[in-house]
N, C-alpha and C. Protein backbone atom coordinates (compact mmCIF):
# COMPACT_ATOMS: atom_id res chain seq x y z
N MET A 1 -54.16 85.46 103.08
CA MET A 1 -54.40 86.53 101.75
C MET A 1 -55.48 86.87 101.64
N SER A 2 -55.94 88.54 101.76
CA SER A 2 -57.40 88.80 101.31
C SER A 2 -57.53 88.75 100.01
N LYS A 3 -58.89 89.33 99.63
CA LYS A 3 -59.15 89.41 98.06
C LYS A 3 -58.37 90.79 97.70
N GLU A 4 -58.53 91.88 98.95
CA GLU A 4 -57.77 93.24 98.53
C GLU A 4 -56.02 92.82 98.32
N SER A 5 -55.70 91.88 98.67
CA SER A 5 -54.13 91.05 98.50
C SER A 5 -53.74 91.36 97.25
N ILE A 6 -55.24 90.06 96.95
CA ILE A 6 -54.78 89.13 95.85
C ILE A 6 -54.81 90.11 94.39
N GLN A 7 -55.86 91.07 94.72
CA GLN A 7 -55.83 92.17 93.47
C GLN A 7 -54.60 93.43 93.74
N GLN A 8 -53.99 93.74 94.70
CA GLN A 8 -53.22 94.13 94.97
C GLN A 8 -51.73 93.25 93.82
N VAL A 9 -51.63 92.51 93.79
CA VAL A 9 -50.64 91.70 93.51
C VAL A 9 -50.71 91.61 92.00
N VAL A 10 -52.01 91.20 91.56
CA VAL A 10 -52.35 91.48 90.31
C VAL A 10 -52.23 92.49 89.68
N GLN A 11 -52.76 94.01 90.21
CA GLN A 11 -52.33 95.05 89.74
C GLN A 11 -50.81 95.59 89.93
N GLN A 12 -49.94 95.07 90.56
CA GLN A 12 -48.80 95.43 90.90
C GLN A 12 -48.09 94.65 89.54
N SER A 13 -48.45 93.76 89.08
CA SER A 13 -48.14 92.23 88.13
C SER A 13 -48.10 92.98 86.70
N LEU A 14 -49.87 93.65 86.58
CA LEU A 14 -49.76 94.30 85.19
C LEU A 14 -49.31 95.46 85.21
N GLU A 15 -48.97 96.18 86.39
CA GLU A 15 -47.63 97.58 85.98
C GLU A 15 -46.72 97.09 85.92
N THR A 16 -46.09 96.41 86.29
CA THR A 16 -44.95 95.61 85.69
C THR A 16 -44.71 95.58 84.46
N TYR A 17 -45.81 94.35 83.73
CA TYR A 17 -45.91 94.14 82.56
C TYR A 17 -45.98 95.53 81.94
N PHE A 18 -46.55 96.30 81.74
CA PHE A 18 -46.08 97.25 80.88
C PHE A 18 -45.57 97.99 80.64
N ASN A 19 -44.36 98.16 82.33
CA ASN A 19 -43.57 98.94 82.46
C ASN A 19 -41.99 98.08 81.28
N ASP A 20 -42.69 97.12 81.60
CA ASP A 20 -41.70 96.06 80.53
C ASP A 20 -41.77 96.10 79.28
N LEU A 21 -43.13 96.57 78.75
CA LEU A 21 -43.25 96.40 77.21
C LEU A 21 -43.32 97.72 76.89
N GLY A 22 -42.75 98.73 77.49
CA GLY A 22 -42.11 100.04 77.08
C GLY A 22 -42.71 100.25 76.03
N GLU A 23 -42.69 100.66 74.63
CA GLU A 23 -43.50 101.35 73.82
C GLU A 23 -44.46 100.08 73.01
N GLN A 24 -43.98 99.31 73.00
CA GLN A 24 -44.42 97.94 72.72
C GLN A 24 -46.30 98.14 72.58
N GLN A 25 -46.96 97.66 71.85
CA GLN A 25 -48.51 97.84 72.16
C GLN A 25 -48.76 96.75 72.88
N ALA A 26 -49.62 96.86 73.64
CA ALA A 26 -49.89 95.71 74.29
C ALA A 26 -51.30 94.70 73.32
N SER A 27 -51.52 93.98 74.26
CA SER A 27 -53.01 93.18 73.35
C SER A 27 -53.77 92.01 73.84
N ASN A 28 -54.80 91.93 74.02
CA ASN A 28 -55.38 90.23 74.73
C ASN A 28 -55.06 90.47 75.91
N ILE A 29 -54.78 91.07 76.59
CA ILE A 29 -54.38 91.46 78.12
C ILE A 29 -55.60 90.95 79.04
N TYR A 30 -57.01 90.96 78.48
CA TYR A 30 -57.74 90.12 79.59
C TYR A 30 -57.45 88.67 79.37
N ASP A 31 -57.52 87.70 78.25
CA ASP A 31 -57.26 86.66 78.13
C ASP A 31 -55.47 85.73 78.79
N MET A 32 -54.64 86.91 78.26
CA MET A 32 -53.28 86.50 78.74
C MET A 32 -53.31 86.19 80.58
N VAL A 33 -54.30 87.26 81.50
CA VAL A 33 -54.85 87.50 83.05
C VAL A 33 -55.38 86.29 83.26
N VAL A 34 -56.76 85.97 82.46
CA VAL A 34 -57.31 84.90 82.78
C VAL A 34 -56.49 83.70 82.59
N GLN A 35 -55.94 83.41 81.31
CA GLN A 35 -54.89 82.11 81.51
C GLN A 35 -53.99 81.72 82.53
N THR A 36 -53.67 82.85 82.69
CA THR A 36 -52.00 83.25 83.71
C THR A 36 -53.20 82.55 85.28
N VAL A 37 -54.49 82.99 85.20
CA VAL A 37 -54.53 82.87 86.65
C VAL A 37 -55.03 81.56 86.84
N GLU A 38 -55.72 81.13 85.88
CA GLU A 38 -56.64 79.92 85.75
C GLU A 38 -56.25 78.67 86.15
N LYS A 39 -55.19 78.71 85.23
CA LYS A 39 -55.03 77.16 86.09
C LYS A 39 -54.28 76.73 87.42
N PRO A 40 -53.25 77.25 88.18
CA PRO A 40 -53.03 77.43 89.25
C PRO A 40 -54.48 77.60 90.04
N ILE A 41 -55.33 78.53 89.71
CA ILE A 41 -56.59 78.47 90.42
C ILE A 41 -56.99 76.42 90.80
N LEU A 42 -57.18 76.10 89.43
CA LEU A 42 -57.39 75.14 89.39
C LEU A 42 -57.00 74.07 90.20
N GLN A 43 -55.56 74.22 90.30
CA GLN A 43 -54.94 73.15 90.52
C GLN A 43 -55.09 73.24 92.06
N VAL A 44 -54.96 74.47 92.64
CA VAL A 44 -55.23 74.20 94.13
C VAL A 44 -56.96 73.94 94.92
N VAL A 45 -57.60 74.53 93.82
CA VAL A 45 -58.89 73.85 94.32
C VAL A 45 -59.30 72.37 94.19
N MET A 46 -58.63 71.42 92.88
CA MET A 46 -58.75 70.63 93.04
C MET A 46 -57.71 69.62 94.13
N LEU A 47 -56.97 70.60 94.72
CA LEU A 47 -55.79 69.29 95.75
C LEU A 47 -57.00 70.11 96.83
N ARG A 48 -57.62 70.91 96.90
CA ARG A 48 -58.07 71.15 98.80
C ARG A 48 -59.68 70.21 98.45
N ALA A 49 -60.58 69.72 97.10
CA ALA A 49 -61.19 69.01 96.48
C ALA A 49 -60.99 67.86 97.25
N ASP A 50 -59.71 67.58 97.17
CA ASP A 50 -59.05 65.78 97.53
C ASP A 50 -59.62 65.42 96.06
N GLY A 51 -59.48 65.91 94.65
CA GLY A 51 -59.72 65.68 93.79
C GLY A 51 -61.41 65.08 93.21
N ASN A 52 -61.92 65.51 93.80
CA ASN A 52 -63.45 65.48 94.12
C ASN A 52 -64.34 66.88 92.96
N GLN A 53 -64.20 66.68 91.39
CA GLN A 53 -64.86 67.57 90.70
C GLN A 53 -65.86 68.17 91.23
N SER A 54 -66.95 67.49 91.37
CA SER A 54 -68.20 67.69 91.73
C SER A 54 -67.54 69.34 92.46
N GLN A 55 -67.29 68.59 93.70
CA GLN A 55 -67.23 69.54 94.94
C GLN A 55 -66.25 70.50 94.53
N ALA A 56 -65.24 70.45 93.79
CA ALA A 56 -64.46 71.64 93.23
C ALA A 56 -65.72 72.64 92.13
N ALA A 57 -65.82 71.84 91.95
CA ALA A 57 -67.26 72.64 90.76
C ALA A 57 -67.58 73.71 91.69
N ASP A 58 -68.21 73.09 93.06
CA ASP A 58 -69.09 74.02 93.95
C ASP A 58 -68.64 74.77 94.36
N MET A 59 -67.41 74.88 94.82
CA MET A 59 -66.08 75.67 95.49
C MET A 59 -65.94 77.14 94.66
N LEU A 60 -65.89 76.47 92.98
CA LEU A 60 -65.26 77.73 92.13
C LEU A 60 -66.90 78.36 91.74
N GLY A 61 -67.84 77.91 92.30
CA GLY A 61 -69.38 78.67 91.37
C GLY A 61 -69.48 78.25 90.18
N ILE A 62 -68.87 77.00 89.71
CA ILE A 62 -69.15 76.57 88.31
C ILE A 62 -69.43 75.46 88.34
N ASN A 63 -70.21 74.64 86.89
CA ASN A 63 -70.79 73.36 86.83
C ASN A 63 -69.70 72.58 86.68
N ARG A 64 -69.62 71.06 86.65
CA ARG A 64 -68.68 70.15 86.65
C ARG A 64 -68.39 69.91 85.48
N ASN A 65 -69.20 69.81 84.52
CA ASN A 65 -69.05 70.08 82.86
C ASN A 65 -68.16 71.18 82.20
N THR A 66 -68.01 72.69 83.48
CA THR A 66 -67.08 73.60 82.88
C THR A 66 -65.74 73.27 83.36
N LEU A 67 -65.92 72.73 84.85
CA LEU A 67 -64.51 72.45 85.29
C LEU A 67 -63.77 71.88 84.04
N ARG A 68 -64.74 70.49 84.17
CA ARG A 68 -63.89 69.13 83.11
C ARG A 68 -63.14 70.05 81.82
N LYS A 69 -63.87 70.80 81.56
CA LYS A 69 -63.58 71.65 80.08
C LYS A 69 -62.33 72.16 80.16
N LYS A 70 -62.48 73.34 81.64
CA LYS A 70 -61.07 74.40 82.08
C LYS A 70 -59.85 73.05 82.26
N LEU A 71 -60.39 71.82 82.59
CA LEU A 71 -59.10 71.02 83.43
C LEU A 71 -58.40 70.37 82.11
N GLN A 72 -59.66 70.16 81.50
CA GLN A 72 -58.46 69.57 80.00
C GLN A 72 -57.82 70.52 79.27
N GLN A 73 -58.41 71.70 78.89
CA GLN A 73 -58.01 72.96 78.64
C GLN A 73 -56.41 73.49 78.96
N HIS A 74 -56.20 73.15 80.68
CA HIS A 74 -54.91 73.49 81.23
C HIS A 74 -53.78 71.98 81.42
N GLY A 75 -54.32 70.80 80.80
CA GLY A 75 -53.90 70.00 80.64
C GLY A 75 -53.68 69.01 82.73
N LEU A 76 -54.71 68.99 83.01
CA LEU A 76 -54.88 69.19 84.41
C LEU A 76 -54.89 67.38 84.16
N LEU A 77 -56.17 66.93 83.52
CA LEU A 77 -57.03 65.85 83.65
C LEU A 77 -55.86 64.53 82.77
């Protein structure tokens, strides 16, 4: 799957979200999207790194402490 394909999935999902909202006011969309995609990203990268947090942090482009914090936030530790 290419970067563009991922972008299309996110765009389509957001369009569906807004359609489902109808006349209701949307709020905190950025946080909702980040929280929604962050957990599966962390899960897949940790699997790919065989549980090695340093390697996973490198793959994600974040430091290991930030990774640990995010893993804890999502209940992955």
